[in-house]
Structures are given as structure tokens and as C-alpha cells.
Amino acid sequence: MGILIFDLPREETTLNVKINRTLKSIGAEKIQNSVWKSENLKELMKIALWVRNVGGEAKILEENVIF
């Protein structure tokens, strides 16, 4: 399970909507604003690259529950 955390430039509001819709379409679960989790790591990687290519920041973390 991967967790995507991203941040887009403020002027990219339309892109933010597109990214959120794409995440929903792959079955990702929204944890909070700009934080999503999904089992589809390949798609998360594509979205993270998309965010970085438009000047945003994106990280993918591995979910590991300790307690």
C-alpha cells in the first residue's frame, strides 16, 4: 500500500481537480487534502511524476502500521 502526498502551485487549481479525479478513478482513498492511499503503486508513481512535471512536489510513502 502506497501513500501519495503532493503539493501543487496555487495557480494549478484545475490540475488539482484533475489529479483528485484521477486518484478516485484508480480507487485511491483520500486521507486528507493532498494525501491519498492506494494499492496501485504504478499509478501513484505516474501521478507523482505528473505533479513534479508541473512544478509541484510529490512523495510516495509505504504504509507500515506500527501500532
PDB file of N, CA and C in Angstrom:
ATOM      1  N   MET A   1       0.852  -1.176   0.000  1.00  0.00           N
ATOM      2  CA  MET A   1       0.000   0.000   0.000  1.00  0.00           C
ATOM      3  C   MET A   1       0.892   1.233   0.000  1.00  0.00           C
ATOM      4  N   GLY A   2       0.628   2.155  -0.923  1.00  0.00           N
ATOM      5  CA  GLY A   2       1.397   3.386  -1.023  1.00  0.00           C
ATOM      6  C   GLY A   2       0.572   4.575  -0.597  1.00  0.00           C
ATOM      7  N   ILE A   3       1.256   5.585  -0.096  1.00  0.00           N
ATOM      8  CA  ILE A   3       0.603   6.832   0.292  1.00  0.00           C
ATOM      9  C   ILE A   3       1.256   7.953  -0.508  1.00  0.00           C
ATOM     10  N   LEU A   4       0.439   8.672  -1.262  1.00  0.00           N
ATOM     11  CA  LEU A   4       0.907   9.798  -2.059  1.00  0.00           C
ATOM     12  C   LEU A   4       0.599  11.093  -1.314  1.00  0.00           C
ATOM     13  N   ILE A   5       1.639  11.909  -1.160  1.00  0.00           N
ATOM     14  CA  ILE A   5       1.492  13.244  -0.576  1.00  0.00           C
ATOM     15  C   ILE A   5       1.988  14.218  -1.628  1.00  0.00           C
ATOM     16  N   PHE A   6       1.143  15.168  -2.002  1.00  0.00           N
ATOM     17  CA  PHE A   6       1.566  16.106  -3.039  1.00  0.00           C
ATOM     18  C   PHE A   6       1.150  17.530  -2.718  1.00  0.00           C
ATOM     19  N   ASP A   7       1.851  18.469  -3.367  1.00  0.00           N
ATOM     20  CA  ASP A   7       1.574  19.887  -3.220  1.00  0.00           C
ATOM     21  C   ASP A   7       1.775  20.528  -4.584  1.00  0.00           C
ATOM     22  N   LEU A   8       0.759  21.246  -5.051  1.00  0.00           N
ATOM     23  CA  LEU A   8       0.813  21.925  -6.343  1.00  0.00           C
ATOM     24  C   LEU A   8       0.909  23.431  -6.136  1.00  0.00           C
ATOM     25  N   PRO A   9       1.476  24.137  -7.121  1.00  0.00           N
ATOM     26  CA  PRO A   9       1.440  25.599  -7.061  1.00  0.00           C
ATOM     27  C   PRO A   9      -0.014  26.086  -7.007  1.00  0.00           C
ATOM     28  N   ARG A  10      -0.259  27.164  -6.312  1.00  0.00           N
ATOM     29  CA  ARG A  10      -1.620  27.685  -6.109  1.00  0.00           C
ATOM     30  C   ARG A  10      -2.390  27.912  -7.404  1.00  0.00           C
ATOM     31  N   GLU A  11      -1.688  28.331  -8.457  1.00  0.00           N
ATOM     32  CA  GLU A  11      -2.379  28.644  -9.711  1.00  0.00           C
ATOM     33  C   GLU A  11      -2.842  27.401 -10.469  1.00  0.00           C
ATOM     34  N   GLU A  12      -2.513  26.238 -10.000  1.00  0.00           N
ATOM     35  CA  GLU A  12      -2.872  24.978 -10.670  1.00  0.00           C
ATOM     36  C   GLU A  12      -4.160  24.379 -10.102  1.00  0.00           C
ATOM     37  N   THR A  13      -5.188  25.186  -9.910  1.00  0.00           N
ATOM     38  CA  THR A  13      -6.429  24.683  -9.316  1.00  0.00           C
ATOM     39  C   THR A  13      -7.136  23.670 -10.209  1.00  0.00           C
ATOM     40  N   THR A  14      -7.140  23.907 -11.522  1.00  0.00           N
ATOM     41  CA  THR A  14      -7.778  22.972 -12.451  1.00  0.00           C
ATOM     42  C   THR A  14      -7.042  21.635 -12.436  1.00  0.00           C
ATOM     43  N   LEU A  15      -5.723  21.700 -12.405  1.00  0.00           N
ATOM     44  CA  LEU A  15      -4.927  20.476 -12.373  1.00  0.00           C
ATOM     45  C   LEU A  15      -5.171  19.696 -11.084  1.00  0.00           C
ATOM     46  N   ASN A  16      -5.338  20.405  -9.986  1.00  0.00           N
ATOM     47  CA  ASN A  16      -5.615  19.749  -8.707  1.00  0.00           C
ATOM     48  C   ASN A  16      -6.902  18.921  -8.794  1.00  0.00           C
ATOM     49  N   VAL A  17      -7.926  19.481  -9.434  1.00  0.00           N
ATOM     50  CA  VAL A  17      -9.191  18.762  -9.618  1.00  0.00           C
ATOM     51  C   VAL A  17      -8.964  17.528 -10.490  1.00  0.00           C
ATOM     52  N   LYS A  18      -8.196  17.670 -11.574  1.00  0.00           N
ATOM     53  CA  LYS A  18      -7.920  16.536 -12.464  1.00  0.00           C
ATOM     54  C   LYS A  18      -7.177  15.423 -11.726  1.00  0.00           C
ATOM     55  N   ILE A  19      -6.209  15.805 -10.917  1.00  0.00           N
ATOM     56  CA  ILE A  19      -5.442  14.808 -10.166  1.00  0.00           C
ATOM     57  C   ILE A  19      -6.337  14.092  -9.161  1.00  0.00           C
ATOM     58  N   ASN A  20      -7.171  14.841  -8.456  1.00  0.00           N
ATOM     59  CA  ASN A  20      -8.092  14.214  -7.498  1.00  0.00           C
ATOM     60  C   ASN A  20      -9.044  13.249  -8.195  1.00  0.00           C
ATOM     61  N   ARG A  21      -9.553  13.633  -9.354  1.00  0.00           N
ATOM     62  CA  ARG A  21     -10.444  12.741 -10.110  1.00  0.00           C
ATOM     63  C   ARG A  21      -9.708  11.493 -10.591  1.00  0.00           C
ATOM     64  N   THR A  22      -8.468  11.658 -11.003  1.00  0.00           N
ATOM     65  CA  THR A  22      -7.663  10.510 -11.439  1.00  0.00           C
ATOM     66  C   THR A  22      -7.422   9.557 -10.277  1.00  0.00           C
ATOM     67  N   LEU A  23      -7.115  10.110  -9.119  1.00  0.00           N
ATOM     68  CA  LEU A  23      -6.899   9.275  -7.936  1.00  0.00           C
ATOM     69  C   LEU A  23      -8.169   8.507  -7.572  1.00  0.00           C
ATOM     70  N   LYS A  24      -9.319   9.168  -7.642  1.00  0.00           N
ATOM     71  CA  LYS A  24     -10.581   8.481  -7.369  1.00  0.00           C
ATOM     72  C   LYS A  24     -10.826   7.365  -8.377  1.00  0.00           C
ATOM     73  N   SER A  25     -10.470   7.618  -9.644  1.00  0.00           N
ATOM     74  CA  SER A  25     -10.725   6.630 -10.690  1.00  0.00           C
ATOM     75  C   SER A  25      -9.874   5.367 -10.531  1.00  0.00           C
ATOM     76  N   ILE A  26      -8.725   5.479  -9.867  1.00  0.00           N
ATOM     77  CA  ILE A  26      -7.898   4.278  -9.645  1.00  0.00           C
ATOM     78  C   ILE A  26      -8.241   3.605  -8.318  1.00  0.00           C
ATOM     79  N   GLY A  27      -9.254   4.143  -7.634  1.00  0.00           N
ATOM     80  CA  GLY A  27      -9.700   3.535  -6.386  1.00  0.00           C
ATOM     81  C   GLY A  27      -8.923   3.973  -5.164  1.00  0.00           C
ATOM     82  N   ALA A  28      -8.191   5.089  -5.285  1.00  0.00           N
ATOM     83  CA  ALA A  28      -7.429   5.592  -4.142  1.00  0.00           C
ATOM     84  C   ALA A  28      -8.382   6.145  -3.085  1.00  0.00           C
ATOM     85  N   GLU A  29      -7.944   6.072  -1.856  1.00  0.00           N
ATOM     86  CA  GLU A  29      -8.729   6.570  -0.725  1.00  0.00           C
ATOM     87  C   GLU A  29      -8.113   7.875  -0.227  1.00  0.00           C
ATOM     88  N   LYS A  30      -8.931   8.903  -0.131  1.00  0.00           N
ATOM     89  CA  LYS A  30      -8.449  10.196   0.341  1.00  0.00           C
ATOM     90  C   LYS A  30      -8.339  10.168   1.859  1.00  0.00           C
ATOM     91  N   ILE A  31      -7.153  10.460   2.367  1.00  0.00           N
ATOM     92  CA  ILE A  31      -6.924  10.505   3.807  1.00  0.00           C
ATOM     93  C   ILE A  31      -7.183  11.923   4.314  1.00  0.00           C
ATOM     94  N   GLN A  32      -6.651  12.902   3.608  1.00  0.00           N
ATOM     95  CA  GLN A  32      -6.920  14.316   3.854  1.00  0.00           C
ATOM     96  C   GLN A  32      -6.495  15.063   2.600  1.00  0.00           C
ATOM     97  N   ASN A  33      -6.605  16.393   2.591  1.00  0.00           N
ATOM     98  CA  ASN A  33      -6.249  17.153   1.392  1.00  0.00           C
ATOM     99  C   ASN A  33      -4.841  16.801   0.920  1.00  0.00           C
ATOM    100  N   SER A  34      -4.739  16.417  -0.332  1.00  0.00           N
ATOM    101  CA  SER A  34      -3.461  16.094  -0.984  1.00  0.00           C
ATOM    102  C   SER A  34      -2.738  14.897  -0.379  1.00  0.00           C
ATOM    103  N   VAL A  35      -3.443  14.054   0.339  1.00  0.00           N
ATOM    104  CA  VAL A  35      -2.875  12.823   0.888  1.00  0.00           C
ATOM    105  C   VAL A  35      -3.823  11.670   0.551  1.00  0.00           C
ATOM    106  N   TRP A  36      -3.333  10.744  -0.261  1.00  0.00           N
ATOM    107  CA  TRP A  36      -4.148   9.629  -0.750  1.00  0.00           C
ATOM    108  C   TRP A  36      -3.416   8.317  -0.558  1.00  0.00           C
ATOM    109  N   LYS A  37      -4.176   7.229  -0.371  1.00  0.00           N
ATOM    110  CA  LYS A  37      -3.528   5.921  -0.298  1.00  0.00           C
ATOM    111  C   LYS A  37      -4.178   4.976  -1.300  1.00  0.00           C
ATOM    112  N   SER A  38      -3.346   4.096  -1.842  1.00  0.00           N
ATOM    113  CA  SER A  38      -3.813   3.164  -2.866  1.00  0.00           C
ATOM    114  C   SER A  38      -2.878   1.959  -2.917  1.00  0.00           C
ATOM    115  N   GLU A  39      -3.425   0.845  -3.362  1.00  0.00           N
ATOM    116  CA  GLU A  39      -2.607  -0.345  -3.581  1.00  0.00           C
ATOM    117  C   GLU A  39      -1.954  -0.313  -4.958  1.00  0.00           C
ATOM    118  N   ASN A  40      -2.399   0.605  -5.816  1.00  0.00           N
ATOM    119  CA  ASN A  40      -1.903   0.698  -7.185  1.00  0.00           C
ATOM    120  C   ASN A  40      -0.678   1.622  -7.225  1.00  0.00           C
ATOM    121  N   LEU A  41       0.467   1.068  -6.855  1.00  0.00           N
ATOM    122  CA  LEU A  41       1.695   1.853  -6.754  1.00  0.00           C
ATOM    123  C   LEU A  41       2.128   2.408  -8.105  1.00  0.00           C
ATOM    124  N   LYS A  42       1.931   1.641  -9.165  1.00  0.00           N
ATOM    125  CA  LYS A  42       2.319   2.081 -10.508  1.00  0.00           C
ATOM    126  C   LYS A  42       1.584   3.375 -10.888  1.00  0.00           C
ATOM    127  N   GLU A  43       0.293   3.433 -10.617  1.00  0.00           N
ATOM    128  CA  GLU A  43      -0.492   4.630 -10.928  1.00  0.00           C
ATOM    129  C   GLU A  43      -0.109   5.793 -10.021  1.00  0.00           C
ATOM    130  N   LEU A  44       0.179   5.509  -8.752  1.00  0.00           N
ATOM    131  CA  LEU A  44       0.631   6.573  -7.848  1.00  0.00           C
ATOM    132  C   LEU A  44       1.930   7.198  -8.356  1.00  0.00           C
ATOM    133  N   MET A  45       2.812   6.364  -8.881  1.00  0.00           N
ATOM    134  CA  MET A  45       4.088   6.859  -9.425  1.00  0.00           C
ATOM    135  C   MET A  45       3.839   7.771 -10.627  1.00  0.00           C
ATOM    136  N   LYS A  46       2.915   7.377 -11.510  1.00  0.00           N
ATOM    137  CA  LYS A  46       2.593   8.205 -12.674  1.00  0.00           C
ATOM    138  C   LYS A  46       2.051   9.565 -12.237  1.00  0.00           C
ATOM    139  N   ILE A  47       1.177   9.550 -11.249  1.00  0.00           N
ATOM    140  CA  ILE A  47       0.583  10.800 -10.771  1.00  0.00           C
ATOM    141  C   ILE A  47       1.637  11.666 -10.087  1.00  0.00           C
ATOM    142  N   ALA A  48       2.529  11.056  -9.321  1.00  0.00           N
ATOM    143  CA  ALA A  48       3.603  11.801  -8.664  1.00  0.00           C
ATOM    144  C   ALA A  48       4.512  12.471  -9.705  1.00  0.00           C
ATOM    145  N   LEU A  49       4.819  11.766 -10.784  1.00  0.00           N
ATOM    146  CA  LEU A  49       5.635  12.356 -11.850  1.00  0.00           C
ATOM    147  C   LEU A  49       4.901  13.502 -12.530  1.00  0.00           C
ATOM    148  N   TRP A  50       3.602  13.335 -12.725  1.00  0.00           N
ATOM    149  CA  TRP A  50       2.765  14.382 -13.315  1.00  0.00           C
ATOM    150  C   TRP A  50       2.837  15.644 -12.456  1.00  0.00           C
ATOM    151  N   VAL A  51       2.700  15.482 -11.142  1.00  0.00           N
ATOM    152  CA  VAL A  51       2.755  16.618 -10.221  1.00  0.00           C
ATOM    153  C   VAL A  51       4.123  17.296 -10.304  1.00  0.00           C
ATOM    154  N   ARG A  52       5.176  16.522 -10.294  1.00  0.00           N
ATOM    155  CA  ARG A  52       6.529  17.095 -10.348  1.00  0.00           C
ATOM    156  C   ARG A  52       6.791  17.796 -11.680  1.00  0.00           C
ATOM    157  N   ASN A  53       6.246  17.265 -12.766  1.00  0.00           N
ATOM    158  CA  ASN A  53       6.464  17.868 -14.085  1.00  0.00           C
ATOM    159  C   ASN A  53       5.809  19.237 -14.239  1.00  0.00           C
ATOM    160  N   VAL A  54       4.825  19.542 -13.421  1.00  0.00           N
ATOM    161  CA  VAL A  54       4.184  20.865 -13.479  1.00  0.00           C
ATOM    162  C   VAL A  54       4.698  21.797 -12.381  1.00  0.00           C
ATOM    163  N   GLY A  55       5.778  21.391 -11.714  1.00  0.00           N
ATOM    164  CA  GLY A  55       6.396  22.257 -10.713  1.00  0.00           C
ATOM    165  C   GLY A  55       5.945  22.023  -9.284  1.00  0.00           C
ATOM    166  N   GLY A  56       5.190  20.938  -9.063  1.00  0.00           N
ATOM    167  CA  GLY A  56       4.754  20.618  -7.706  1.00  0.00           C
ATOM    168  C   GLY A  56       5.716  19.676  -7.014  1.00  0.00           C
ATOM    169  N   GLU A  57       5.373  19.324  -5.805  1.00  0.00           N
ATOM    170  CA  GLU A  57       6.160  18.352  -5.034  1.00  0.00           C
ATOM    171  C   GLU A  57       5.299  17.131  -4.780  1.00  0.00           C
ATOM    172  N   ALA A  58       5.922  15.961  -4.818  1.00  0.00           N
ATOM    173  CA  ALA A  58       5.182  14.723  -4.576  1.00  0.00           C
ATOM    174  C   ALA A  58       6.108  13.693  -3.944  1.00  0.00           C
ATOM    175  N   LYS A  59       5.563  12.976  -2.989  1.00  0.00           N
ATOM    176  CA  LYS A  59       6.288  11.891  -2.319  1.00  0.00           C
ATOM    177  C   LYS A  59       5.353  10.694  -2.230  1.00  0.00           C
ATOM    178  N   ILE A  60       5.923   9.516  -2.343  1.00  0.00           N
ATOM    179  CA  ILE A  60       5.159   8.289  -2.130  1.00  0.00           C
ATOM    180  C   ILE A  60       5.808   7.555  -0.968  1.00  0.00           C
ATOM    181  N   LEU A  61       5.004   7.261   0.023  1.00  0.00           N
ATOM    182  CA  LEU A  61       5.464   6.548   1.213  1.00  0.00           C
ATOM    183  C   LEU A  61       4.865   5.158   1.227  1.00  0.00           C
ATOM    184  N   GLU A  62       5.527   4.257   1.901  1.00  0.00           N
ATOM    185  CA  GLU A  62       4.980   2.915   2.091  1.00  0.00           C
ATOM    186  C   GLU A  62       4.236   2.883   3.425  1.00  0.00           C
ATOM    187  N   GLU A  63       3.008   2.407   3.375  1.00  0.00           N
ATOM    188  CA  GLU A  63       2.225   2.310   4.617  1.00  0.00           C
ATOM    189  C   GLU A  63       2.763   1.156   5.448  1.00  0.00           C
ATOM    190  N   ASN A  64       3.088   1.457   6.678  1.00  0.00           N
ATOM    191  CA  ASN A  64       3.584   0.447   7.593  1.00  0.00           C
ATOM    192  C   ASN A  64       3.023   0.785   8.976  1.00  0.00           C
ATOM    193  N   VAL A  65       2.023   0.048   9.400  1.00  0.00           N
ATOM    194  CA  VAL A  65       1.377   0.333  10.671  1.00  0.00           C
ATOM    195  C   VAL A  65       2.188  -0.312  11.793  1.00  0.00           C
ATOM    196  N   ILE A  66       2.592   0.471  12.758  1.00  0.00           N
ATOM    197  CA  ILE A  66       3.386   0.002  13.887  1.00  0.00           C
ATOM    198  C   ILE A  66       2.480  -0.439  15.024  1.00  0.00           C
ATOM    199  N   PHE A  67       1.453   0.359  15.317  1.00  0.00           N
ATOM    200  CA  PHE A  67       0.598   0.077  16.469  1.00  0.00           C
ATOM    201  C   PHE A  67      -0.824   0.406  16.134  1.00  0.00           C
TER     202      PHE A  67
END
